Amino acid sequence: MRFKGLDLNLLQALDVLIDACSVTRAAEHLHISQPAISAALGRLRKHFGDPLLVLHGKKMIPTPYALQLQPGLKSLLTNIDAFISTSPQFEPGTSNLTFRVMASDFILAVVLGDLLPAIEAVAPHVRFLILPTSEQAIPMLEAGDLDLLIAPETYLSDKHPSILLFAERHVVVGWEESPLIAQSPSVEALKTASFITVDIGSSQKSSFVINELDQLGIKINRNFSVSYFSVVPQLLIGSNKLAILHELLARKSARHLPIRWWPLPVEIPAMREMIQFHRARSQDPALLWLIAQFERWREEFAASLEDSFQSG
């Protein structure tokens, strides 16, 4: 198929060539011969009037123009893939579809742990690939490598639709025998205590609540940092350190761990956990079904999410 003089079959070849930076590896990925991919590159060069990839040592390097084309190219291929893959219906009872979801371990602990048994009951063959939070979340969504991204609203793209999963408050948490948590901590107590904090991703970005406290001029002593929210309650046991966690995680952990929690002594906005998906998938029956499962979870837990603060 040709569109404005370009064989559209060449677009996938260009995408793979830019990613692989190698004619040989691109040919292997596309399961075609090396002469065929070389010929495709020649046709692409002629159409775009640019070398697209140039030899540098033993490696081919994309030109600035090729890198300029890449985001739009990936978005276009994702839209095409969504268009041709969309089924008129989705049968959860028989489907063996794999959903690729990026979410923090907090979401795994407080949402998916409750949701998956309900999904398994109606869709026993559906599979899930849960990916850890990454700085590459939006590029992966754009490239079609994610079906859903679950993240705070501040980390989403404004180019794709999203829906609210829930709004979550934060609390101060500590070992129940620690004198620091015997009563609701003051702002001064926050400034003098030592904290276990969570840094997110390979770039070690501060969590939502730390950023909010920083904006209020409250700098806490972050002398012990981990990459996962779900391990923090266990680490507090036997320690005089404190942590600031999502209320839902604190509440759930306090059911089986000797920890106590209190409201923050300052007002910060509720963290809006959102579900985002690619705009090309907005009518995908399978994706709409999965989103409906999250919405059902939200409805079932709405009452508990609105409960007033209380100590653990």
C-alpha atoms as a PDB file:
ATOM      1  CA  MET A   1       0.000   0.000   0.000  1.00  0.00           C
ATOM      2  CA  ARG A   2       1.307   3.424  -0.941  1.00  0.00           C
ATOM      3  CA  PHE A   3       0.374   6.742   0.606  1.00  0.00           C
ATOM      4  CA  LYS A   4       1.651   9.947  -0.977  1.00  0.00           C
ATOM      5  CA  GLY A   5       4.360   8.004  -2.743  1.00  0.00           C
ATOM      6  CA  LEU A   6       5.575   6.016   0.266  1.00  0.00           C
ATOM      7  CA  ASP A   7       5.177   2.267   0.650  1.00  0.00           C
ATOM      8  CA  LEU A   8       3.650   2.071   4.146  1.00  0.00           C
ATOM      9  CA  ASN A   9       5.311  -1.294   4.714  1.00  0.00           C
ATOM     10  CA  LEU A  10       8.589   0.618   4.962  1.00  0.00           C
ATOM     11  CA  LEU A  11       7.507   2.437   8.126  1.00  0.00           C
ATOM     12  CA  GLN A  12       7.954  -0.583  10.370  1.00  0.00           C
ATOM     13  CA  ALA A  13      11.367  -1.195   8.792  1.00  0.00           C
ATOM     14  CA  LEU A  14      12.376   2.388   9.577  1.00  0.00           C
ATOM     15  CA  ASP A  15      11.226   2.075  13.183  1.00  0.00           C
ATOM     16  CA  VAL A  16      13.219  -1.128  13.700  1.00  0.00           C
ATOM     17  CA  LEU A  17      16.297   0.296  11.947  1.00  0.00           C
ATOM     18  CA  ILE A  18      16.350   3.352  14.196  1.00  0.00           C
ATOM     19  CA  ASP A  19      15.999   1.192  17.317  1.00  0.00           C
ATOM     20  CA  ALA A  20      18.475  -1.507  16.245  1.00  0.00           C
ATOM     21  CA  CYS A  21      21.101   0.801  14.697  1.00  0.00           C
ATOM     22  CA  SER A  22      22.052  -2.194  12.566  1.00  0.00           C
ATOM     23  CA  VAL A  23      20.890  -3.553   9.213  1.00  0.00           C
ATOM     24  CA  THR A  24      21.704  -7.086  10.347  1.00  0.00           C
ATOM     25  CA  ARG A  25      19.786  -6.902  13.622  1.00  0.00           C
ATOM     26  CA  ALA A  26      16.846  -5.152  11.921  1.00  0.00           C
ATOM     27  CA  ALA A  27      16.688  -7.952   9.336  1.00  0.00           C
ATOM     28  CA  GLU A  28      16.727 -10.575  12.101  1.00  0.00           C
ATOM     29  CA  HIS A  29      13.969  -8.757  14.012  1.00  0.00           C
ATOM     30  CA  LEU A  30      11.754  -8.504  10.932  1.00  0.00           C
ATOM     31  CA  HIS A  31      12.605 -12.052   9.766  1.00  0.00           C
ATOM     32  CA  ILE A  32      13.717 -10.892   6.342  1.00  0.00           C
ATOM     33  CA  SER A  33      17.043 -11.037   4.521  1.00  0.00           C
ATOM     34  CA  GLN A  34      19.783  -8.449   4.994  1.00  0.00           C
ATOM     35  CA  PRO A  35      19.641  -7.419   1.285  1.00  0.00           C
ATOM     36  CA  ALA A  36      15.890  -6.828   1.678  1.00  0.00           C
ATOM     37  CA  ILE A  37      16.328  -4.508   4.660  1.00  0.00           C
ATOM     38  CA  SER A  38      19.203  -2.737   2.905  1.00  0.00           C
ATOM     39  CA  ALA A  39      16.928  -2.176  -0.092  1.00  0.00           C
ATOM     40  CA  ALA A  40      14.203  -0.862   2.222  1.00  0.00           C
ATOM     41  CA  LEU A  41      16.666   1.582   3.765  1.00  0.00           C
ATOM     42  CA  GLY A  42      17.646   2.757   0.303  1.00  0.00           C
ATOM     43  CA  ARG A  43      14.028   3.435  -0.613  1.00  0.00           C
ATOM     44  CA  LEU A  44      13.449   5.267   2.662  1.00  0.00           C
ATOM     45  CA  ARG A  45      16.509   7.431   2.085  1.00  0.00           C
ATOM     46  CA  LYS A  46      15.262   8.331  -1.369  1.00  0.00           C
ATOM     47  CA  HIS A  47      11.765   9.196  -0.135  1.00  0.00           C
ATOM     48  CA  PHE A  48      12.860  11.342   2.811  1.00  0.00           C
ATOM     49  CA  GLY A  49      15.936  12.841   1.141  1.00  0.00           C
ATOM     50  CA  ASP A  50      18.078  12.023   4.157  1.00  0.00           C
ATOM     51  CA  PRO A  51      20.605   9.235   4.959  1.00  0.00           C
ATOM     52  CA  LEU A  52      18.503   8.341   8.072  1.00  0.00           C
ATOM     53  CA  LEU A  53      21.296   6.099   9.408  1.00  0.00           C
ATOM     54  CA  VAL A  54      25.020   6.684   8.881  1.00  0.00           C
ATOM     55  CA  LEU A  55      27.914   4.326   9.562  1.00  0.00           C
ATOM     56  CA  HIS A  56      30.039   5.245  12.567  1.00  0.00           C
ATOM     57  CA  GLY A  57      32.725   2.651  13.169  1.00  0.00           C
ATOM     58  CA  LYS A  58      30.883  -0.671  13.140  1.00  0.00           C
ATOM     59  CA  LYS A  59      27.580   0.840  14.210  1.00  0.00           C
ATOM     60  CA  MET A  60      24.912   2.769  12.342  1.00  0.00           C
ATOM     61  CA  ILE A  61      23.825   6.004  14.005  1.00  0.00           C
ATOM     62  CA  PRO A  62      20.424   7.645  13.320  1.00  0.00           C
ATOM     63  CA  THR A  63      20.684  11.106  11.824  1.00  0.00           C
ATOM     64  CA  PRO A  64      19.059  14.071  13.617  1.00  0.00           C
ATOM     65  CA  TYR A  65      16.262  13.932  11.046  1.00  0.00           C
ATOM     66  CA  ALA A  66      15.630  10.231  11.768  1.00  0.00           C
ATOM     67  CA  LEU A  67      15.456  10.967  15.488  1.00  0.00           C
ATOM     68  CA  GLN A  68      13.023  13.789  14.725  1.00  0.00           C
ATOM     69  CA  LEU A  69      10.806  11.349  12.828  1.00  0.00           C
ATOM     70  CA  GLN A  70      10.920   8.615  15.473  1.00  0.00           C
ATOM     71  CA  PRO A  71       8.309   9.845  18.024  1.00  0.00           C
ATOM     72  CA  GLY A  72       5.698  10.478  15.340  1.00  0.00           C
ATOM     73  CA  LEU A  73       6.589   7.199  13.650  1.00  0.00           C
ATOM     74  CA  LYS A  74       6.086   5.192  16.840  1.00  0.00           C
ATOM     75  CA  SER A  75       2.803   6.959  17.562  1.00  0.00           C
ATOM     76  CA  LEU A  76       1.608   6.243  14.007  1.00  0.00           C
ATOM     77  CA  LEU A  77       2.531   2.543  14.210  1.00  0.00           C
ATOM     78  CA  THR A  78       0.832   2.259  17.605  1.00  0.00           C
ATOM     79  CA  ASN A  79      -2.339   3.792  16.201  1.00  0.00           C
ATOM     80  CA  ILE A  80      -2.280   1.416  13.231  1.00  0.00           C
ATOM     81  CA  ASP A  81      -1.673  -1.586  15.490  1.00  0.00           C
ATOM     82  CA  ALA A  82      -4.560  -0.576  17.764  1.00  0.00           C
ATOM     83  CA  PHE A  83      -6.800  -0.022  14.770  1.00  0.00           C
ATOM     84  CA  ILE A  84      -6.197  -3.413  13.159  1.00  0.00           C
ATOM     85  CA  SER A  85      -6.071  -5.319  16.477  1.00  0.00           C
ATOM     86  CA  THR A  86      -9.340  -4.047  17.903  1.00  0.00           C
ATOM     87  CA  SER A  87     -11.934  -6.791  18.114  1.00  0.00           C
ATOM     88  CA  PRO A  88     -15.667  -5.996  18.003  1.00  0.00           C
ATOM     89  CA  GLN A  89     -16.046  -7.847  21.293  1.00  0.00           C
ATOM     90  CA  PHE A  90     -14.092  -9.241  24.237  1.00  0.00           C
ATOM     91  CA  GLU A  91     -14.967 -12.517  25.941  1.00  0.00           C
ATOM     92  CA  PRO A  92     -13.205 -12.554  29.349  1.00  0.00           C
ATOM     93  CA  GLY A  93     -14.198 -16.161  30.067  1.00  0.00           C
ATOM     94  CA  THR A  94     -12.213 -17.517  27.112  1.00  0.00           C
ATOM     95  CA  SER A  95      -9.618 -14.829  26.348  1.00  0.00           C
ATOM     96  CA  ASN A  96      -5.916 -15.511  26.934  1.00  0.00           C
ATOM     97  CA  LEU A  97      -4.923 -11.905  26.274  1.00  0.00           C
ATOM     98  CA  THR A  98      -1.921 -10.472  28.147  1.00  0.00           C
ATOM     99  CA  PHE A  99      -2.393  -7.026  29.697  1.00  0.00           C
ATOM    100  CA  ARG A 100       0.783  -4.973  30.186  1.00  0.00           C
ATOM    101  CA  VAL A 101       0.371  -2.618  33.144  1.00  0.00           C
ATOM    102  CA  MET A 102       2.899  -0.265  34.713  1.00  0.00           C
ATOM    103  CA  ALA A 103       2.214   0.423  38.388  1.00  0.00           C
ATOM    104  CA  SER A 104       4.070   0.993  41.641  1.00  0.00           C
ATOM    105  CA  ASP A 105       4.361  -1.707  44.278  1.00  0.00           C
ATOM    106  CA  PHE A 106       1.925   0.402  46.331  1.00  0.00           C
ATOM    107  CA  ILE A 107      -0.755  -0.257  43.703  1.00  0.00           C
ATOM    108  CA  LEU A 108       0.205  -3.930  43.653  1.00  0.00           C
ATOM    109  CA  ALA A 109      -0.177  -4.146  47.426  1.00  0.00           C
ATOM    110  CA  VAL A 110      -3.427  -2.254  47.936  1.00  0.00           C
ATOM    111  CA  VAL A 111      -5.329  -2.612  44.654  1.00  0.00           C
ATOM    112  CA  LEU A 112      -4.221  -5.520  42.513  1.00  0.00           C
ATOM    113  CA  GLY A 113      -3.935  -7.863  45.486  1.00  0.00           C
ATOM    114  CA  ASP A 114      -7.682  -7.428  46.036  1.00  0.00           C
ATOM    115  CA  LEU A 115      -8.627  -7.131  42.382  1.00  0.00           C
ATOM    116  CA  LEU A 116      -6.879 -10.146  40.868  1.00  0.00           C
ATOM    117  CA  PRO A 117      -8.979 -12.842  42.597  1.00  0.00           C
ATOM    118  CA  ALA A 118     -12.131 -11.191  41.254  1.00  0.00           C
ATOM    119  CA  ILE A 119     -10.618 -11.031  37.760  1.00  0.00           C
ATOM    120  CA  GLU A 120      -9.465 -14.641  37.950  1.00  0.00           C
ATOM    121  CA  ALA A 121     -13.004 -15.737  38.766  1.00  0.00           C
ATOM    122  CA  VAL A 122     -14.404 -14.337  35.515  1.00  0.00           C
ATOM    123  CA  ALA A 123     -11.313 -14.356  33.268  1.00  0.00           C
ATOM    124  CA  PRO A 124      -9.206 -17.363  34.312  1.00  0.00           C
ATOM    125  CA  HIS A 125      -6.948 -17.350  31.241  1.00  0.00           C
ATOM    126  CA  VAL A 126      -6.198 -13.621  31.059  1.00  0.00           C
ATOM    127  CA  ARG A 127      -2.569 -12.887  31.868  1.00  0.00           C
ATOM    128  CA  PHE A 128      -0.874  -9.828  33.370  1.00  0.00           C
ATOM    129  CA  LEU A 129       2.604  -8.423  32.948  1.00  0.00           C
ATOM    130  CA  ILE A 130       3.121  -5.850  35.712  1.00  0.00           C
ATOM    131  CA  LEU A 131       6.056  -3.517  35.082  1.00  0.00           C
ATOM    132  CA  PRO A 132       7.689  -1.362  37.782  1.00  0.00           C
ATOM    133  CA  THR A 133       7.388   2.404  37.635  1.00  0.00           C
ATOM    134  CA  SER A 134       9.890   3.860  35.184  1.00  0.00           C
ATOM    135  CA  GLU A 135      10.908   7.188  33.696  1.00  0.00           C
ATOM    136  CA  GLN A 136      10.117   5.554  30.348  1.00  0.00           C
ATOM    137  CA  ALA A 137       6.415   5.193  31.181  1.00  0.00           C
ATOM    138  CA  ILE A 138       5.117   7.761  28.683  1.00  0.00           C
ATOM    139  CA  PRO A 139       7.446   6.709  25.817  1.00  0.00           C
ATOM    140  CA  MET A 140       6.388   3.100  26.413  1.00  0.00           C
ATOM    141  CA  LEU A 141       2.721   4.087  26.361  1.00  0.00           C
ATOM    142  CA  GLU A 142       3.327   6.057  23.166  1.00  0.00           C
ATOM    143  CA  ALA A 143       5.087   3.083  21.569  1.00  0.00           C
ATOM    144  CA  GLY A 144       2.291   0.666  22.438  1.00  0.00           C
ATOM    145  CA  ASP A 145       4.417  -1.258  24.955  1.00  0.00           C
ATOM    146  CA  LEU A 146       1.899  -0.574  27.757  1.00  0.00           C
ATOM    147  CA  ASP A 147      -1.839  -1.136  27.895  1.00  0.00           C
ATOM    148  CA  LEU A 148      -2.354   0.835  31.108  1.00  0.00           C
ATOM    149  CA  LEU A 149      -0.260   3.202  33.167  1.00  0.00           C
ATOM    150  CA  ILE A 150      -1.326   3.663  36.800  1.00  0.00           C
ATOM    151  CA  ALA A 151       0.421   6.652  38.353  1.00  0.00           C
ATOM    152  CA  PRO A 152      -0.122   9.945  40.192  1.00  0.00           C
ATOM    153  CA  GLU A 153      -1.698  12.612  38.017  1.00  0.00           C
ATOM    154  CA  THR A 154       1.469  14.732  37.930  1.00  0.00           C
ATOM    155  CA  TYR A 155       3.341  11.982  36.063  1.00  0.00           C
ATOM    156  CA  LEU A 156       0.845  11.530  33.208  1.00  0.00           C
ATOM    157  CA  SER A 157       0.845  12.783  29.619  1.00  0.00           C
ATOM    158  CA  ASP A 158      -1.695  15.385  28.555  1.00  0.00           C
ATOM    159  CA  LYS A 159      -1.894  13.739  25.118  1.00  0.00           C
ATOM    160  CA  HIS A 160      -3.817  10.675  26.253  1.00  0.00           C
ATOM    161  CA  PRO A 161      -7.043  10.101  28.218  1.00  0.00           C
ATOM    162  CA  SER A 162      -7.002   9.183  31.882  1.00  0.00           C
ATOM    163  CA  ILE A 163      -9.519   8.409  34.608  1.00  0.00           C
ATOM    164  CA  LEU A 164      -9.342   8.759  38.369  1.00  0.00           C
ATOM    165  CA  LEU A 165      -8.744   5.502  40.247  1.00  0.00           C
ATOM    166  CA  PHE A 166      -8.824   7.070  43.721  1.00  0.00           C
ATOM    167  CA  ALA A 167      -7.597  10.067  45.702  1.00  0.00           C
ATOM    168  CA  GLU A 168      -5.304   9.036  48.546  1.00  0.00           C
ATOM    169  CA  ARG A 169      -4.221  10.781  51.717  1.00  0.00           C
ATOM    170  CA  HIS A 170      -0.855  10.426  53.438  1.00  0.00           C
ATOM    171  CA  VAL A 171      -0.108   9.622  57.068  1.00  0.00           C
ATOM    172  CA  VAL A 172       2.843   9.462  59.468  1.00  0.00           C
ATOM    173  CA  VAL A 173       3.715   5.865  60.339  1.00  0.00           C
ATOM    174  CA  GLY A 174       5.980   4.305  62.977  1.00  0.00           C
ATOM    175  CA  TRP A 175       6.584   1.240  65.136  1.00  0.00           C
ATOM    176  CA  GLU A 176       3.830   1.124  67.734  1.00  0.00           C
ATOM    177  CA  GLU A 177       6.353   1.000  70.618  1.00  0.00           C
ATOM    178  CA  SER A 178       8.310   4.027  69.413  1.00  0.00           C
ATOM    179  CA  PRO A 179       7.809   7.092  71.620  1.00  0.00           C
ATOM    180  CA  LEU A 180       7.804   9.233  68.476  1.00  0.00           C
ATOM    181  CA  ILE A 181       4.480   7.776  67.378  1.00  0.00           C
ATOM    182  CA  ALA A 182       2.775   7.565  70.805  1.00  0.00           C
ATOM    183  CA  GLN A 183       0.819  10.670  69.871  1.00  0.00           C
ATOM    184  CA  SER A 184       0.165  12.597  66.688  1.00  0.00           C
ATOM    185  CA  PRO A 185       3.526  14.091  65.613  1.00  0.00           C
ATOM    186  CA  SER A 186       3.879  17.863  65.309  1.00  0.00           C
ATOM    187  CA  VAL A 187       5.604  19.702  62.481  1.00  0.00           C
ATOM    188  CA  GLU A 188       8.642  20.108  64.743  1.00  0.00           C
ATOM    189  CA  ALA A 189       8.660  16.368  65.371  1.00  0.00           C
ATOM    190  CA  LEU A 190       8.728  15.792  61.627  1.00  0.00           C
ATOM    191  CA  LYS A 191      11.726  18.090  61.262  1.00  0.00           C
ATOM    192  CA  THR A 192      13.743  16.367  64.003  1.00  0.00           C
ATOM    193  CA  ALA A 193      12.881  12.692  63.387  1.00  0.00           C
ATOM    194  CA  SER A 194      14.730  10.342  61.038  1.00  0.00           C
ATOM    195  CA  PHE A 195      12.683   8.964  58.157  1.00  0.00           C
ATOM    196  CA  ILE A 196      12.576   5.999  55.869  1.00  0.00           C
ATOM    197  CA  THR A 197      11.675   7.396  52.453  1.00  0.00           C
ATOM    198  CA  VAL A 198      11.005   6.005  48.981  1.00  0.00           C
ATOM    199  CA  ASP A 199      12.904   7.198  45.919  1.00  0.00           C
ATOM    200  CA  ILE A 200      11.319   6.248  42.608  1.00  0.00           C
ATOM    201  CA  GLY A 201      12.993   4.911  39.476  1.00  0.00           C
ATOM    202  CA  SER A 202      16.632   4.783  38.440  1.00  0.00           C
ATOM    203  CA  SER A 203      16.883   8.580  38.701  1.00  0.00           C
ATOM    204  CA  GLN A 204      15.728   8.318  42.353  1.00  0.00           C
ATOM    205  CA  LYS A 205      12.966  10.899  42.129  1.00  0.00           C
ATOM    206  CA  SER A 206      11.333  11.897  45.387  1.00  0.00           C
ATOM    207  CA  SER A 207       7.829  10.629  46.055  1.00  0.00           C
ATOM    208  CA  PHE A 208       4.727  12.794  45.745  1.00  0.00           C
ATOM    209  CA  VAL A 209       4.480  13.519  49.478  1.00  0.00           C
ATOM    210  CA  ILE A 210       8.150  14.516  49.859  1.00  0.00           C
ATOM    211  CA  ASN A 211       7.783  16.974  46.991  1.00  0.00           C
ATOM    212  CA  GLU A 212       4.675  18.448  48.621  1.00  0.00           C
ATOM    213  CA  LEU A 213       6.415  18.838  51.986  1.00  0.00           C
ATOM    214  CA  ASP A 214       9.400  20.468  50.297  1.00  0.00           C
ATOM    215  CA  GLN A 215       7.073  23.055  48.781  1.00  0.00           C
ATOM    216  CA  LEU A 216       5.809  23.836  52.290  1.00  0.00           C
ATOM    217  CA  GLY A 217       9.372  24.344  53.472  1.00  0.00           C
ATOM    218  CA  ILE A 218       9.353  21.173  55.586  1.00  0.00           C
ATOM    219  CA  LYS A 219      12.629  19.336  55.058  1.00  0.00           C
ATOM    220  CA  ILE A 220      12.741  15.943  56.732  1.00  0.00           C
ATOM    221  CA  ASN A 221      15.823  13.901  57.605  1.00  0.00           C
ATOM    222  CA  ARG A 222      15.896  11.285  54.859  1.00  0.00           C
ATOM    223  CA  ASN A 223      18.745   9.084  56.037  1.00  0.00           C
ATOM    224  CA  PHE A 224      17.337   5.730  54.899  1.00  0.00           C
ATOM    225  CA  SER A 225      15.897   5.363  51.425  1.00  0.00           C
ATOM    226  CA  VAL A 226      14.392   2.380  49.598  1.00  0.00           C
ATOM    227  CA  SER A 227      12.851   1.808  46.174  1.00  0.00           C
ATOM    228  CA  TYR A 228       9.595   0.163  47.275  1.00  0.00           C
ATOM    229  CA  PHE A 229       6.692   1.476  49.350  1.00  0.00           C
ATOM    230  CA  SER A 230       5.512  -1.963  50.463  1.00  0.00           C
ATOM    231  CA  VAL A 231       8.689  -2.806  52.424  1.00  0.00           C
ATOM    232  CA  VAL A 232       8.615   0.346  54.562  1.00  0.00           C
ATOM    233  CA  PRO A 233       6.116  -0.834  57.236  1.00  0.00           C
ATOM    234  CA  GLN A 234       8.241  -3.930  57.944  1.00  0.00           C
ATOM    235  CA  LEU A 235      11.420  -1.840  58.184  1.00  0.00           C
ATOM    236  CA  LEU A 236       9.857   0.423  60.832  1.00  0.00           C
ATOM    237  CA  ILE A 237       9.454  -2.413  63.347  1.00  0.00           C
ATOM    238  CA  GLY A 238      11.918  -2.072  66.231  1.00  0.00           C
ATOM    239  CA  SER A 239      13.110   1.307  64.969  1.00  0.00           C
ATOM    240  CA  ASN A 240      12.587   4.902  66.046  1.00  0.00           C
ATOM    241  CA  LYS A 241      12.439   6.002  62.447  1.00  0.00           C
ATOM    242  CA  LEU A 242       9.204   7.294  60.941  1.00  0.00           C
ATOM    243  CA  ALA A 243       7.775   7.149  57.442  1.00  0.00           C
ATOM    244  CA  ILE A 244       5.125   9.013  55.482  1.00  0.00           C
ATOM    245  CA  LEU A 245       2.976   6.580  53.547  1.00  0.00           C
ATOM    246  CA  HIS A 246      -0.331   6.336  51.728  1.00  0.00           C
ATOM    247  CA  GLU A 247      -3.132   5.927  54.251  1.00  0.00           C
ATOM    248  CA  LEU A 248      -4.454   2.852  52.466  1.00  0.00           C
ATOM    249  CA  LEU A 249      -1.082   1.091  52.677  1.00  0.00           C
ATOM    250  CA  ALA A 250      -0.670   2.065  56.339  1.00  0.00           C
ATOM    251  CA  ARG A 251      -4.160   0.852  57.181  1.00  0.00           C
ATOM    252  CA  LYS A 252      -3.652  -2.457  55.408  1.00  0.00           C
ATOM    253  CA  SER A 253      -0.206  -3.034  56.947  1.00  0.00           C
ATOM    254  CA  ALA A 254      -1.457  -2.237  60.462  1.00  0.00           C
ATOM    255  CA  ARG A 255      -3.762  -5.254  60.290  1.00  0.00           C
ATOM    256  CA  HIS A 256      -0.830  -7.643  60.672  1.00  0.00           C
ATOM    257  CA  LEU A 257       2.186  -5.535  61.718  1.00  0.00           C
ATOM    258  CA  PRO A 258       2.842  -3.674  65.011  1.00  0.00           C
ATOM    259  CA  ILE A 259       2.721  -0.176  63.516  1.00  0.00           C
ATOM    260  CA  ARG A 260       0.680   2.936  64.293  1.00  0.00           C
ATOM    261  CA  TRP A 261      -0.250   5.840  62.064  1.00  0.00           C
ATOM    262  CA  TRP A 262      -1.509   9.399  62.458  1.00  0.00           C
ATOM    263  CA  PRO A 263      -2.627  12.211  60.144  1.00  0.00           C
ATOM    264  CA  LEU A 264       0.027  14.563  58.828  1.00  0.00           C
ATOM    265  CA  PRO A 265       0.216  17.731  60.956  1.00  0.00           C
ATOM    266  CA  VAL A 266      -0.017  19.839  57.774  1.00  0.00           C
ATOM    267  CA  GLU A 267      -2.482  19.909  54.913  1.00  0.00           C
ATOM    268  CA  ILE A 268      -1.239  18.619  51.564  1.00  0.00           C
ATOM    269  CA  PRO A 269      -3.348  17.790  48.512  1.00  0.00           C
ATOM    270  CA  ALA A 270      -4.679  14.280  48.156  1.00  0.00           C
ATOM    271  CA  MET A 271      -2.647  12.229  45.701  1.00  0.00           C
ATOM    272  CA  ARG A 272      -4.776  11.444  42.648  1.00  0.00           C
ATOM    273  CA  GLU A 273      -3.923   7.967  41.376  1.00  0.00           C
ATOM    274  CA  MET A 274      -4.932   7.798  37.721  1.00  0.00           C
ATOM    275  CA  ILE A 275      -5.330   5.175  35.009  1.00  0.00           C
ATOM    276  CA  GLN A 276      -3.974   6.305  31.650  1.00  0.00           C
ATOM    277  CA  PHE A 277      -4.219   4.589  28.267  1.00  0.00           C
ATOM    278  CA  HIS A 278      -3.303   5.429  24.693  1.00  0.00           C
ATOM    279  CA  ARG A 279      -5.851   7.583  22.888  1.00  0.00           C
ATOM    280  CA  ALA A 280      -5.941   5.027  20.030  1.00  0.00           C
ATOM    281  CA  ARG A 281      -7.246   2.397  22.483  1.00  0.00           C
ATOM    282  CA  SER A 282     -10.207   4.383  23.817  1.00  0.00           C
ATOM    283  CA  GLN A 283     -12.724   2.047  22.136  1.00  0.00           C
ATOM    284  CA  ASP A 284     -10.815  -1.219  22.661  1.00  0.00           C
ATOM    285  CA  PRO A 285     -13.330  -3.655  24.256  1.00  0.00           C
ATOM    286  CA  ALA A 286     -10.625  -5.586  26.142  1.00  0.00           C
ATOM    287  CA  LEU A 287      -9.118  -2.440  27.608  1.00  0.00           C
ATOM    288  CA  LEU A 288     -12.525  -1.034  28.508  1.00  0.00           C
ATOM    289  CA  TRP A 289     -13.302  -4.303  30.307  1.00  0.00           C
ATOM    290  CA  LEU A 290     -10.080  -4.094  32.330  1.00  0.00           C
ATOM    291  CA  ILE A 291     -10.698  -0.456  33.234  1.00  0.00           C
ATOM    292  CA  ALA A 292     -14.207  -1.438  34.362  1.00  0.00           C
ATOM    293  CA  GLN A 293     -12.638  -3.921  36.808  1.00  0.00           C
ATOM    294  CA  PHE A 294     -10.611  -1.114  38.377  1.00  0.00           C
ATOM    295  CA  GLU A 295     -13.708   1.074  38.522  1.00  0.00           C
ATOM    296  CA  ARG A 296     -15.597  -1.720  40.294  1.00  0.00           C
ATOM    297  CA  TRP A 297     -12.774  -1.926  42.849  1.00  0.00           C
ATOM    298  CA  ARG A 298     -13.042   1.843  43.339  1.00  0.00           C
ATOM    299  CA  GLU A 299     -16.769   1.637  43.974  1.00  0.00           C
ATOM    300  CA  GLU A 300     -16.398  -1.213  46.477  1.00  0.00           C
ATOM    301  CA  PHE A 301     -13.711   0.610  48.438  1.00  0.00           C
ATOM    302  CA  ALA A 302     -15.140   4.126  48.162  1.00  0.00           C
ATOM    303  CA  ALA A 303     -16.636   4.018  51.660  1.00  0.00           C
ATOM    304  CA  SER A 304     -13.371   2.976  53.319  1.00  0.00           C
ATOM    305  CA  LEU A 305     -11.390   5.552  51.342  1.00  0.00           C
ATOM    306  CA  GLU A 306     -13.650   8.264  52.768  1.00  0.00           C
ATOM    307  CA  ASP A 307     -13.301   7.142  56.404  1.00  0.00           C
ATOM    308  CA  SER A 308     -11.927   9.708  58.812  1.00  0.00           C
ATOM    309  CA  PHE A 309      -8.300   9.441  59.937  1.00  0.00           C
ATOM    310  CA  GLN A 310      -7.611   7.223  62.909  1.00  0.00           C
ATOM    311  CA  SER A 311      -4.516   5.711  64.495  1.00  0.00           C
ATOM    312  CA  GLY A 312      -3.584   2.178  63.565  1.00  0.00           C
END
